[in-house]
Protein backbone atom coordinates (compact mmCIF):
# COMPACT_ATOMS: atom_id res chain seq x y z
CA MET A 1 137.57 -99.90 148.59
CA ARG A 2 136.55 -100.77 151.25
CA GLY A 3 136.75 -97.12 151.50
CA LEU A 4 134.75 -96.59 148.81
CA THR A 5 132.03 -98.50 150.12
CA ALA A 6 131.96 -98.32 154.25
CA SER A 7 129.73 -96.04 156.70
CA GLY A 8 130.34 -96.99 159.66
CA ASP A 9 132.62 -96.73 162.60
CA GLY A 10 133.19 -99.95 164.35
CA ASP A 11 134.01 -103.16 164.12
CA ASP A 12 131.67 -104.75 165.64
CA ARG A 13 128.68 -103.65 164.13
CA GLY A 14 129.44 -106.31 160.68
CA GLY A 15 125.97 -106.51 159.68
CA GLU A 16 125.16 -102.79 159.47
CA ARG A 17 128.81 -102.74 158.09
CA ASP A 18 127.63 -104.91 155.19
CA ASN A 19 124.25 -103.25 154.79
CA GLY A 20 125.96 -100.05 155.31
CA GLY A 21 128.54 -101.23 152.70
CA ARG A 22 125.79 -102.39 150.35
CA ALA A 23 123.55 -99.44 150.51
CA ALA A 24 126.53 -96.89 150.42
CA THR A 25 127.45 -99.40 147.07
CA VAL A 26 124.16 -98.86 145.66
CA GLY A 27 124.06 -95.18 146.61
CA ARG A 28 127.38 -94.58 144.86
CA GLY A 29 126.22 -96.74 142.15
CA ARG A 30 123.46 -94.92 141.92
CA ALA A 31 125.25 -91.61 142.49
CA LEU A 32 127.84 -92.97 139.77
CA THR A 33 125.11 -93.24 137.11
CA GLY A 34 123.30 -90.18 137.81
CA TRP A 35 126.52 -88.38 137.12
CA ALA A 36 127.16 -90.41 133.81
CA ALA A 37 123.58 -89.16 132.80
CA SER A 38 124.02 -85.98 133.45
CA ALA A 39 127.80 -85.95 131.99
CA THR A 40 125.98 -87.50 128.86
CA THR A 41 123.21 -85.54 128.39
CA LEU A 42 126.01 -82.41 128.73
CA VAL A 43 127.67 -83.89 125.57
CA GLY A 44 123.94 -84.22 124.05
CA LEU A 45 123.40 -80.40 124.39
CA ALA A 46 126.91 -79.67 123.73
CA ALA A 47 126.99 -81.31 120.79
CA PHE A 48 123.46 -80.05 119.58
CA GLY A 49 124.90 -76.30 121.09
CA LEU A 50 127.39 -76.18 118.36
CA LEU A 51 125.41 -77.79 115.33
CA THR A 52 122.92 -74.93 115.87
CA VAL A 53 125.61 -72.45 116.03
CA GLY A 54 127.09 -73.70 113.11
CA CYS A 55 123.09 -73.80 110.75
CA SER A 56 122.58 -69.91 112.58
CA THR A 57 125.93 -68.65 111.08
CA GLY A 58 126.46 -68.01 106.93
CA GLY A 59 129.55 -69.14 105.95
CA THR A 60 131.02 -72.38 107.02
CA GLY A 61 127.68 -74.52 106.51
CA THR A 62 127.96 -77.77 103.46
CA ARG A 63 124.20 -75.40 102.31
CA ASP A 64 126.47 -72.43 101.44
CA GLU A 65 129.10 -74.75 99.51
CA GLY A 66 127.89 -75.01 95.69
CA PRO A 67 129.81 -75.57 92.66
CA ALA A 68 132.43 -73.73 91.54
CA GLY A 69 131.87 -70.62 89.47
CA THR A 70 128.17 -70.75 89.34
CA GLN A 71 128.11 -67.50 91.16
CA PRO A 72 127.76 -64.30 88.12
CA VAL A 73 130.70 -62.32 88.04
CA ALA A 74 128.61 -58.80 87.35
CA GLN A 75 125.18 -58.02 87.46
CA VAL A 76 124.25 -55.26 84.02
CA THR A 77 121.82 -52.64 85.07
CA PRO A 78 120.19 -51.74 82.37
CA SER A 79 120.22 -47.95 81.69
CA ASP A 80 117.51 -45.70 81.81
CA GLU A 81 118.82 -43.36 79.51
CA PRO A 82 117.09 -43.38 75.41
CA SER A 83 118.59 -44.86 73.17
CA SER A 84 119.34 -41.96 70.06
CA SER A 85 116.83 -40.84 67.61
CA ALA A 86 118.83 -39.50 64.94
CA LYS A 87 117.72 -41.67 61.57
CA PRO A 88 120.22 -42.15 58.48
CA SER A 89 120.05 -39.27 56.50
CA SER A 90 118.45 -41.20 53.34
CA ARG A 91 120.59 -40.91 49.74
CA ILE A 92 120.00 -38.52 46.79
CA ASP A 93 120.81 -38.72 42.81
CA PRO A 94 123.63 -35.78 43.23
CA VAL A 95 124.25 -35.71 39.65
CA ALA A 96 120.06 -35.74 38.39
CA LEU A 97 119.58 -32.94 41.41
CA LEU A 98 122.22 -30.58 39.32
CA LYS A 99 121.54 -31.22 36.29
CA HIS A 100 117.53 -30.15 36.62
CA ASP A 101 118.90 -27.31 39.18
CA PRO A 102 118.38 -23.96 36.93
CA LYS A 103 120.64 -22.49 39.76
CA VAL A 104 123.37 -24.56 38.20
CA SER A 105 125.33 -22.62 35.60
CA GLU A 106 124.94 -24.23 31.76
CA ARG A 107 128.86 -24.52 32.02
CA VAL A 108 129.24 -26.77 35.25
CA ARG A 109 126.32 -28.39 33.69
CA THR A 110 127.31 -29.19 30.32
CA ASP A 111 130.96 -30.13 31.83
CA LEU A 112 128.97 -32.85 34.99
CA LYS A 113 130.09 -36.37 32.77
CA PRO A 114 131.73 -39.55 34.22
CA CYS A 115 135.22 -39.57 34.95
CA THR A 116 135.19 -43.33 34.10
CA GLY A 117 132.33 -45.49 33.61
CA SER A 118 129.51 -43.83 35.26
CA GLU A 119 131.59 -42.55 38.29
CA TYR A 120 130.81 -38.75 38.12
CA PRO A 121 132.99 -36.22 39.99
CA VAL A 122 131.14 -35.35 42.37
CA ASP A 123 131.45 -35.44 46.52
CA THR A 124 128.73 -35.34 48.19
CA SER A 125 128.07 -34.65 52.49
CA TYR A 126 124.60 -34.55 54.83
CA GLY A 127 124.21 -33.17 57.88
CA THR A 128 122.15 -30.85 59.71
CA MET A 129 122.17 -26.78 59.05
CA THR A 130 119.03 -25.58 58.20
CA GLY A 131 117.04 -27.25 60.88
CA GLY A 132 114.48 -28.80 57.78
CA PRO A 133 112.75 -32.27 58.29
CA SER A 134 115.69 -34.51 56.80
CA ALA A 135 118.98 -33.99 56.39
CA ASP A 136 121.38 -31.66 54.09
CA VAL A 137 122.91 -32.01 51.71
CA VAL A 138 126.32 -30.09 50.23
CA VAL A 139 127.24 -31.12 47.22
CA ASN A 140 131.05 -30.45 45.25
CA VAL A 141 131.59 -30.57 41.62
CA MET A 142 135.05 -31.51 40.58
CA THR A 143 136.93 -31.37 37.33
CA CYS A 144 138.20 -35.30 36.45
CA GLY A 145 141.73 -34.69 35.89
CA ASP A 146 142.69 -33.02 39.11
CA SER A 147 140.41 -32.91 41.50
CA VAL A 148 139.63 -29.46 41.78
CA GLY A 149 136.38 -28.17 42.72
CA VAL A 150 134.61 -25.95 40.27
CA GLY A 151 130.77 -25.61 42.59
CA THR A 152 130.13 -26.17 46.18
CA TYR A 153 125.84 -26.51 46.73
CA VAL A 154 123.43 -27.07 49.54
CA TYR A 155 120.00 -28.28 49.18
CA ARG A 156 117.56 -27.91 52.08
CA PRO A 157 115.39 -30.41 51.75
CA ARG A 158 111.64 -29.75 52.39
CA ASN A 159 108.37 -30.83 53.21
CA ASN A 160 107.36 -32.54 50.14
CA GLY A 161 110.38 -34.75 49.96
CA GLY A 162 111.97 -32.02 47.24
CA TYR A 163 115.22 -30.14 47.71
CA GLU A 164 115.71 -26.37 48.01
CA ASN A 165 119.10 -24.72 46.56
CA VAL A 166 119.75 -22.14 49.08
CA PHE A 167 123.48 -21.82 48.59
CA ALA A 168 125.71 -21.92 45.34
CA ILE A 169 129.24 -20.47 44.53
CA GLU A 170 131.21 -21.35 41.81
CA GLN A 171 134.93 -20.53 41.35
CA PRO A 172 138.36 -22.39 40.46
CA ALA A 173 139.30 -24.27 43.93
CA VAL A 174 136.54 -24.65 45.97
CA TYR A 175 134.99 -27.07 48.30
CA GLY A 176 132.37 -27.27 51.11
CA THR A 177 132.14 -28.91 53.84
CA ILE A 178 129.67 -29.40 56.85
CA ASP A 179 131.02 -28.73 60.35
CA ARG A 180 129.21 -28.43 63.57
CA GLY A 181 125.85 -27.36 62.22
CA ASP A 182 128.08 -24.72 59.84
CA LEU A 183 129.02 -24.50 56.40
CA VAL A 184 132.60 -24.24 55.91
CA VAL A 185 133.85 -22.84 52.85
CA THR A 186 137.70 -23.43 51.22
CA THR A 187 139.18 -21.56 48.37
CA GLN A 188 142.33 -21.66 47.09
CA VAL A 189 144.26 -18.75 46.53
CA TYR A 190 146.12 -18.26 43.25
CA GLU A 191 148.52 -16.17 41.92
CA LYS A 192 149.60 -15.50 38.23
CA LYS A 193 152.79 -17.88 38.62
CA ASP A 194 151.16 -20.21 41.03
CA SER A 195 150.19 -23.55 39.52
CA VAL A 196 147.06 -26.09 40.40
CA ALA A 197 149.49 -27.57 43.25
CA TYR A 198 150.39 -24.59 44.65
CA PRO A 199 148.06 -22.37 45.49
CA SER A 200 150.02 -19.44 47.01
CA GLY A 201 147.06 -19.19 49.97
CA GLU A 202 143.39 -20.01 51.49
CA GLU A 203 140.02 -18.52 52.18
CA VAL A 204 138.18 -20.37 55.69
CA ILE A 205 134.27 -18.90 55.28
CA THR A 206 132.08 -20.03 57.88
CA TYR A 207 128.50 -19.63 56.85
CA ARG A 208 125.70 -19.95 59.78
CA TRP A 209 122.04 -20.65 58.64
CA ALA A 210 119.44 -17.49 60.03
CA GLY A 211 115.93 -18.04 59.09
CA SER A 212 115.89 -18.39 55.91
CA ARG A 213 119.45 -18.21 54.09
CA PHE A 214 123.03 -18.41 55.18
CA ASN A 215 125.35 -15.70 56.32
CA GLU A 216 129.31 -15.15 56.96
CA HIS A 217 129.59 -15.84 60.66
CA ASP A 218 133.72 -16.23 60.13
CA ARG A 219 136.81 -15.92 57.91
CA VAL A 220 140.28 -16.68 58.03
CA HIS A 221 142.82 -16.70 55.60
CA ASN A 222 146.08 -18.39 55.37
CA ASP A 223 149.10 -17.74 52.84
CA PHE A 224 151.54 -20.40 52.17
CA ASN A 225 155.06 -21.00 52.51
CA ARG A 226 156.10 -19.80 48.47
CA ALA A 227 159.50 -21.85 49.39
CA VAL A 228 157.66 -25.26 50.31
CA GLY A 229 156.73 -27.47 47.85
CA SER A 230 157.57 -25.19 44.67
CA GLY A 231 159.14 -28.39 42.51
CA GLY A 232 162.79 -26.28 41.92
CA ALA A 233 165.04 -27.97 44.67
CA ALA A 234 166.62 -31.57 44.19
CA LEU A 235 166.27 -33.70 47.94
CA PRO A 236 170.48 -34.05 48.50
CA ALA A 237 171.67 -37.85 47.91
CA PRO A 238 172.32 -39.99 50.46
CA ASP A 239 175.96 -40.33 51.58
CA ALA A 240 177.14 -43.62 50.21
CA GLU A 241 178.93 -44.72 53.22
CA PRO A 242 177.83 -43.60 56.80
CA PRO A 243 180.81 -40.95 57.83
CA GLY A 244 183.18 -43.41 60.06
CA ASN A 245 183.19 -42.59 63.97
């Protein structure tokens, strides 16, 4: 320990050694005390630096953490596209329309009666074909017994709320539909030996509105296979037992 505190180089200077030793001890103690204070300061600065770095980064602090499941999974952005402006078609009474229409033949108006209760054999379709103020109406009249069409009529809406008959066809097995703005009329073709359930073919005619009337736009004729659906042949009887392996 003396080596650490002595500052003289002779034994005959004991007093000076003592003073020097004390001075050295005091000096060394001051040096050690200063070093300890500096070390403490450095530790404090290092801890402050780590705290500052932790706060400056945005991923691990306690402030960044929260209860699980509180973050929204997805956000829905409102669409800028306008909603559909199509309005529902107003329903009409097709039977009253037919019975008060002079373009409907007297035979059809007379035969137009309920099949059961208040149910009339009438099908009604609504759609846009003529570009009127509201939807056009296609009315199909059928027979009660076998649902064979006897007349197809198209009514165009007027600005005053009424309807005008702009198309009419009356013949057996006729039926009209609306297809992408066109009127499609299908008629069954019968030969003398054909039954009502099995016609020989059909005509499919597409009409398109032009100005103030429907004009024929396309025609398709289909011939049906005479061997299919005649009802003359019986189905083969199933085997009583499956064939052996």
